[in-house]
Amino acid sequence: MPGVPLFVVGHSFGGQIVGLSPNTSVRGTLLIAAQSGYWKNWDGPKRWGMATLWHVVFPAIGGTLGYIPGWTGIGEDLPAGAASEWARWGRHPEYLFAHKTQASDGFAAYPGRIRSISIEDDAYAPRRSVEDLGRRFPVERYSHQHLVPADDGLAKIGHFGWFRKSSNLLWKQGLHWMEQCL
């Protein structure tokens, strides 16, 4: 709609691919738990879990069943070809940028302001992984915010908490940022 500012909200993988969009009219982008999936961005047991996911689980299950079932922890069923590509990205330190040659240029040229949110109790998108993806955007338009649930009076947020009914406070923070972009 002409004259109406365009904002994008990307969560997790949806935020990972936002830099691949050729849209030049975006005013602002709110990335929630959008991360680089390189397995070494995790610590401790989660690191080995991610390594196992990319090196063993996706290749074995995808090769056997022809898809990755949502019950493996990814939420929805995923075709084997997509799972294979995603696993290949997750095994490389440059993640998707090593395999999608246009990605670096697209992220560097991304229009508008970007606010990236990491969440302390998010096992799917630890702070280091969110910051790793964020460094691909233009530094002069990028900002990062790390949320600690207790700071906002919340017991937990996690990877999906932003999208729960009880997340009004979080959305108010996101909307306040968008208003600042106008």
C-alpha atoms as a PDB file:
ATOM      1  CA  MET A   1       0.000   0.000   0.000  1.00  0.00           C
ATOM      2  CA  PRO A   2       1.661   3.263  -1.042  1.00  0.00           C
ATOM      3  CA  GLY A   3       2.693   5.537   1.800  1.00  0.00           C
ATOM      4  CA  VAL A   4       2.373   2.877   4.510  1.00  0.00           C
ATOM      5  CA  PRO A   5       5.716   1.909   6.050  1.00  0.00           C
ATOM      6  CA  LEU A   6       6.638  -1.753   5.710  1.00  0.00           C
ATOM      7  CA  PHE A   7       7.955  -3.633   8.727  1.00  0.00           C
ATOM      8  CA  VAL A   8       9.107  -7.238   8.803  1.00  0.00           C
ATOM      9  CA  VAL A   9       9.033  -9.590  11.776  1.00  0.00           C
ATOM     10  CA  GLY A  10      11.170 -12.681  11.352  1.00  0.00           C
ATOM     11  CA  HIS A  11      11.396 -15.492  13.876  1.00  0.00           C
ATOM     12  CA  SER A  12      14.157 -18.110  13.931  1.00  0.00           C
ATOM     13  CA  PHE A  13      14.648 -19.415  10.377  1.00  0.00           C
ATOM     14  CA  GLY A  14      12.218 -16.774   9.110  1.00  0.00           C
ATOM     15  CA  GLY A  15      14.702 -14.174  10.300  1.00  0.00           C
ATOM     16  CA  GLN A  16      17.662 -16.043   8.841  1.00  0.00           C
ATOM     17  CA  ILE A  17      16.362 -15.640   5.321  1.00  0.00           C
ATOM     18  CA  VAL A  18      15.146 -12.043   5.581  1.00  0.00           C
ATOM     19  CA  GLY A  19      18.452 -10.807   4.143  1.00  0.00           C
ATOM     20  CA  LEU A  20      17.795 -12.801   0.981  1.00  0.00           C
ATOM     21  CA  SER A  21      14.761 -10.673   0.159  1.00  0.00           C
ATOM     22  CA  PRO A  22      15.220  -8.103  -2.608  1.00  0.00           C
ATOM     23  CA  ASN A  23      12.636  -5.782  -1.036  1.00  0.00           C
ATOM     24  CA  THR A  24      13.993  -2.245  -0.932  1.00  0.00           C
ATOM     25  CA  SER A  25      11.082  -0.562   0.824  1.00  0.00           C
ATOM     26  CA  VAL A  26      11.443  -2.075   4.296  1.00  0.00           C
ATOM     27  CA  ARG A  27      11.455   0.559   7.053  1.00  0.00           C
ATOM     28  CA  GLY A  28      12.379  -1.776   9.876  1.00  0.00           C
ATOM     29  CA  THR A  29      12.913  -5.430  10.664  1.00  0.00           C
ATOM     30  CA  LEU A  30      12.404  -7.053  14.039  1.00  0.00           C
ATOM     31  CA  LEU A  31      14.302 -10.329  14.262  1.00  0.00           C
ATOM     32  CA  ILE A  32      13.267 -12.576  17.123  1.00  0.00           C
ATOM     33  CA  ALA A  33      15.663 -15.419  17.902  1.00  0.00           C
ATOM     34  CA  ALA A  34      16.984 -15.355  14.332  1.00  0.00           C
ATOM     35  CA  GLN A  35      20.296 -17.130  14.449  1.00  0.00           C
ATOM     36  CA  SER A  36      23.139 -18.651  12.513  1.00  0.00           C
ATOM     37  CA  GLY A  37      22.741 -22.401  12.843  1.00  0.00           C
ATOM     38  CA  TYR A  38      26.450 -23.197  12.921  1.00  0.00           C
ATOM     39  CA  TRP A  39      26.758 -25.814  15.647  1.00  0.00           C
ATOM     40  CA  LYS A  40      29.753 -24.246  17.389  1.00  0.00           C
ATOM     41  CA  ASN A  41      27.633 -21.226  18.353  1.00  0.00           C
ATOM     42  CA  TRP A  42      26.160 -23.383  21.132  1.00  0.00           C
ATOM     43  CA  ASP A  43      27.915 -24.321  24.380  1.00  0.00           C
ATOM     44  CA  GLY A  44      28.137 -27.496  26.438  1.00  0.00           C
ATOM     45  CA  PRO A  45      25.707 -30.333  25.770  1.00  0.00           C
ATOM     46  CA  LYS A  46      23.647 -28.176  23.361  1.00  0.00           C
ATOM     47  CA  ARG A  47      26.727 -27.852  21.143  1.00  0.00           C
ATOM     48  CA  TRP A  48      27.015 -31.615  20.832  1.00  0.00           C
ATOM     49  CA  GLY A  49      23.285 -31.860  20.297  1.00  0.00           C
ATOM     50  CA  MET A  50      23.496 -29.458  17.365  1.00  0.00           C
ATOM     51  CA  ALA A  51      26.531 -31.276  15.949  1.00  0.00           C
ATOM     52  CA  THR A  52      24.614 -34.555  16.185  1.00  0.00           C
ATOM     53  CA  LEU A  53      21.560 -32.992  14.546  1.00  0.00           C
ATOM     54  CA  TRP A  54      23.528 -31.709  11.530  1.00  0.00           C
ATOM     55  CA  HIS A  55      25.991 -34.614  11.171  1.00  0.00           C
ATOM     56  CA  VAL A  56      23.858 -37.623  12.147  1.00  0.00           C
ATOM     57  CA  VAL A  57      20.134 -37.080  12.760  1.00  0.00           C
ATOM     58  CA  PHE A  58      19.171 -35.128   9.646  1.00  0.00           C
ATOM     59  CA  PRO A  59      21.225 -37.297   7.250  1.00  0.00           C
ATOM     60  CA  ALA A  60      20.089 -40.594   8.819  1.00  0.00           C
ATOM     61  CA  ILE A  61      16.396 -39.842   9.311  1.00  0.00           C
ATOM     62  CA  GLY A  62      16.050 -37.868   6.084  1.00  0.00           C
ATOM     63  CA  GLY A  63      17.767 -40.637   4.144  1.00  0.00           C
ATOM     64  CA  THR A  64      15.626 -43.338   5.748  1.00  0.00           C
ATOM     65  CA  LEU A  65      12.181 -41.704   5.847  1.00  0.00           C
ATOM     66  CA  GLY A  66      12.538 -39.211   3.002  1.00  0.00           C
ATOM     67  CA  TYR A  67      11.676 -36.353   5.383  1.00  0.00           C
ATOM     68  CA  ILE A  68      12.419 -35.137   8.903  1.00  0.00           C
ATOM     69  CA  PRO A  69       9.368 -35.512  11.175  1.00  0.00           C
ATOM     70  CA  GLY A  70       8.378 -32.525  13.274  1.00  0.00           C
ATOM     71  CA  TRP A  71       8.668 -34.612  16.442  1.00  0.00           C
ATOM     72  CA  THR A  72      12.473 -34.461  16.134  1.00  0.00           C
ATOM     73  CA  GLY A  73      12.273 -30.989  17.633  1.00  0.00           C
ATOM     74  CA  ILE A  74      11.972 -28.871  14.494  1.00  0.00           C
ATOM     75  CA  GLY A  75       8.234 -28.278  14.881  1.00  0.00           C
ATOM     76  CA  GLU A  76       6.982 -29.285  11.419  1.00  0.00           C
ATOM     77  CA  ASP A  77       7.822 -32.037   8.955  1.00  0.00           C
ATOM     78  CA  LEU A  78      10.670 -31.064   6.634  1.00  0.00           C
ATOM     79  CA  PRO A  79      11.425 -32.595   3.215  1.00  0.00           C
ATOM     80  CA  ALA A  80      14.703 -34.520   3.084  1.00  0.00           C
ATOM     81  CA  GLY A  81      16.226 -32.196   0.456  1.00  0.00           C
ATOM     82  CA  ALA A  82      15.606 -29.102   2.561  1.00  0.00           C
ATOM     83  CA  ALA A  83      16.903 -30.907   5.649  1.00  0.00           C
ATOM     84  CA  SER A  84      20.063 -31.943   3.812  1.00  0.00           C
ATOM     85  CA  GLU A  85      20.733 -28.374   2.709  1.00  0.00           C
ATOM     86  CA  TRP A  86      20.055 -26.984   6.179  1.00  0.00           C
ATOM     87  CA  ALA A  87      22.373 -29.578   7.738  1.00  0.00           C
ATOM     88  CA  ARG A  88      25.113 -28.662   5.249  1.00  0.00           C
ATOM     89  CA  TRP A  89      24.767 -25.022   6.303  1.00  0.00           C
ATOM     90  CA  GLY A  90      24.852 -25.939  10.006  1.00  0.00           C
ATOM     91  CA  ARG A  91      28.149 -27.794   9.601  1.00  0.00           C
ATOM     92  CA  HIS A  92      29.947 -24.764   8.131  1.00  0.00           C
ATOM     93  CA  PRO A  93      31.266 -21.790  10.193  1.00  0.00           C
ATOM     94  CA  GLU A  94      29.789 -19.361   7.637  1.00  0.00           C
ATOM     95  CA  TYR A  95      26.434 -21.171   7.753  1.00  0.00           C
ATOM     96  CA  LEU A  96      24.200 -20.291   4.764  1.00  0.00           C
ATOM     97  CA  PHE A  97      26.656 -17.636   3.578  1.00  0.00           C
ATOM     98  CA  ALA A  98      29.109 -20.328   2.461  1.00  0.00           C
ATOM     99  CA  HIS A  99      26.468 -21.879   0.200  1.00  0.00           C
ATOM    100  CA  LYS A 100      24.277 -19.008  -0.999  1.00  0.00           C
ATOM    101  CA  THR A 101      26.634 -16.663  -2.802  1.00  0.00           C
ATOM    102  CA  GLN A 102      24.073 -13.846  -2.965  1.00  0.00           C
ATOM    103  CA  ALA A 103      23.417 -13.967   0.788  1.00  0.00           C
ATOM    104  CA  SER A 104      26.324 -11.758   1.902  1.00  0.00           C
ATOM    105  CA  ASP A 105      25.440  -9.046  -0.606  1.00  0.00           C
ATOM    106  CA  GLY A 106      21.736  -9.208   0.268  1.00  0.00           C
ATOM    107  CA  PHE A 107      22.344  -8.909   3.999  1.00  0.00           C
ATOM    108  CA  ALA A 108      24.888  -6.102   3.556  1.00  0.00           C
ATOM    109  CA  ALA A 109      22.460  -4.127   1.377  1.00  0.00           C
ATOM    110  CA  TYR A 110      19.379  -4.821   3.500  1.00  0.00           C
ATOM    111  CA  PRO A 111      17.328  -1.606   3.800  1.00  0.00           C
ATOM    112  CA  GLY A 112      15.892  -0.115   6.913  1.00  0.00           C
ATOM    113  CA  ARG A 113      16.750  -0.545  10.555  1.00  0.00           C
ATOM    114  CA  ILE A 114      17.198  -3.962  12.117  1.00  0.00           C
ATOM    115  CA  ARG A 115      16.569  -4.885  15.760  1.00  0.00           C
ATOM    116  CA  SER A 116      17.661  -8.385  16.644  1.00  0.00           C
ATOM    117  CA  ILE A 117      16.449 -10.004  19.852  1.00  0.00           C
ATOM    118  CA  SER A 118      18.171 -12.852  21.680  1.00  0.00           C
ATOM    119  CA  ILE A 119      16.633 -14.424  24.750  1.00  0.00           C
ATOM    120  CA  GLU A 120      18.606 -15.736  27.722  1.00  0.00           C
ATOM    121  CA  ASP A 121      16.635 -18.969  28.125  1.00  0.00           C
ATOM    122  CA  ASP A 122      16.396 -19.801  24.417  1.00  0.00           C
ATOM    123  CA  ALA A 123      18.010 -23.190  23.760  1.00  0.00           C
ATOM    124  CA  TYR A 124      17.389 -22.933  19.997  1.00  0.00           C
ATOM    125  CA  ALA A 125      19.023 -19.528  19.495  1.00  0.00           C
ATOM    126  CA  PRO A 126      21.731 -18.726  22.028  1.00  0.00           C
ATOM    127  CA  ARG A 127      23.059 -15.186  22.102  1.00  0.00           C
ATOM    128  CA  ARG A 128      26.255 -16.066  20.210  1.00  0.00           C
ATOM    129  CA  SER A 129      24.266 -17.542  17.314  1.00  0.00           C
ATOM    130  CA  VAL A 130      21.993 -14.472  17.123  1.00  0.00           C
ATOM    131  CA  GLU A 131      24.999 -12.138  17.166  1.00  0.00           C
ATOM    132  CA  ASP A 132      26.705 -14.250  14.492  1.00  0.00           C
ATOM    133  CA  LEU A 133      23.786 -13.732  12.097  1.00  0.00           C
ATOM    134  CA  GLY A 134      23.477 -10.066  13.072  1.00  0.00           C
ATOM    135  CA  ARG A 135      27.042  -9.232  12.052  1.00  0.00           C
ATOM    136  CA  ARG A 136      25.954  -9.748   8.441  1.00  0.00           C
ATOM    137  CA  PHE A 137      23.700  -6.679   8.449  1.00  0.00           C
ATOM    138  CA  PRO A 138      24.917  -3.085   7.994  1.00  0.00           C
ATOM    139  CA  VAL A 139      26.352  -2.066  11.370  1.00  0.00           C
ATOM    140  CA  GLU A 140      24.966   1.480  11.139  1.00  0.00           C
ATOM    141  CA  ARG A 141      21.364   0.195  10.960  1.00  0.00           C
ATOM    142  CA  TYR A 142      21.664  -2.850  13.222  1.00  0.00           C
ATOM    143  CA  SER A 143      21.029  -3.140  16.944  1.00  0.00           C
ATOM    144  CA  HIS A 144      20.870  -6.137  19.229  1.00  0.00           C
ATOM    145  CA  GLN A 145      18.868  -6.577  22.412  1.00  0.00           C
ATOM    146  CA  HIS A 146      19.377  -9.505  24.783  1.00  0.00           C
ATOM    147  CA  LEU A 147      16.353 -10.256  26.943  1.00  0.00           C
ATOM    148  CA  VAL A 148      16.585 -11.837  30.377  1.00  0.00           C
ATOM    149  CA  PRO A 149      13.096 -13.026  31.370  1.00  0.00           C
ATOM    150  CA  ALA A 150      13.412 -11.973  35.030  1.00  0.00           C
ATOM    151  CA  ASP A 151      14.269  -8.396  33.956  1.00  0.00           C
ATOM    152  CA  ASP A 152      10.747  -8.115  32.547  1.00  0.00           C
ATOM    153  CA  GLY A 153       9.129  -9.968  35.455  1.00  0.00           C
ATOM    154  CA  LEU A 154       8.746 -13.169  33.453  1.00  0.00           C
ATOM    155  CA  ALA A 155       9.601 -16.679  34.623  1.00  0.00           C
ATOM    156  CA  LYS A 156      10.573 -17.767  31.106  1.00  0.00           C
ATOM    157  CA  ILE A 157      10.398 -16.748  27.474  1.00  0.00           C
ATOM    158  CA  GLY A 158      12.301 -19.412  25.548  1.00  0.00           C
ATOM    159  CA  HIS A 159      12.394 -19.702  21.768  1.00  0.00           C
ATOM    160  CA  PHE A 160       8.644 -19.509  21.217  1.00  0.00           C
ATOM    161  CA  GLY A 161       7.560 -17.347  24.170  1.00  0.00           C
ATOM    162  CA  TRP A 162       7.332 -14.149  22.133  1.00  0.00           C
ATOM    163  CA  PHE A 163       4.369 -15.708  20.332  1.00  0.00           C
ATOM    164  CA  ARG A 164       2.418 -16.881  23.365  1.00  0.00           C
ATOM    165  CA  LYS A 165      -0.676 -15.161  24.667  1.00  0.00           C
ATOM    166  CA  SER A 166       1.223 -13.897  27.701  1.00  0.00           C
ATOM    167  CA  SER A 167       3.773 -11.989  25.606  1.00  0.00           C
ATOM    168  CA  ASN A 168       1.992  -8.615  25.465  1.00  0.00           C
ATOM    169  CA  LEU A 169       4.901  -6.919  27.228  1.00  0.00           C
ATOM    170  CA  LEU A 170       7.340  -8.250  24.634  1.00  0.00           C
ATOM    171  CA  TRP A 171       5.183  -7.089  21.734  1.00  0.00           C
ATOM    172  CA  LYS A 172       4.862  -3.656  23.323  1.00  0.00           C
ATOM    173  CA  GLN A 173       8.666  -3.433  23.348  1.00  0.00           C
ATOM    174  CA  GLY A 174       8.803  -4.492  19.689  1.00  0.00           C
ATOM    175  CA  LEU A 175       6.088  -2.043  18.666  1.00  0.00           C
ATOM    176  CA  HIS A 176       7.815   0.760  20.571  1.00  0.00           C
ATOM    177  CA  TRP A 177      10.977   0.083  18.547  1.00  0.00           C
ATOM    178  CA  MET A 178       8.981   0.117  15.297  1.00  0.00           C
ATOM    179  CA  GLU A 179       7.459   3.477  16.245  1.00  0.00           C
ATOM    180  CA  GLN A 180      10.974   4.836  16.737  1.00  0.00           C
ATOM    181  CA  CYS A 181      11.752   3.834  13.134  1.00  0.00           C
ATOM    182  CA  LEU A 182       9.013   6.076  11.730  1.00  0.00           C
END
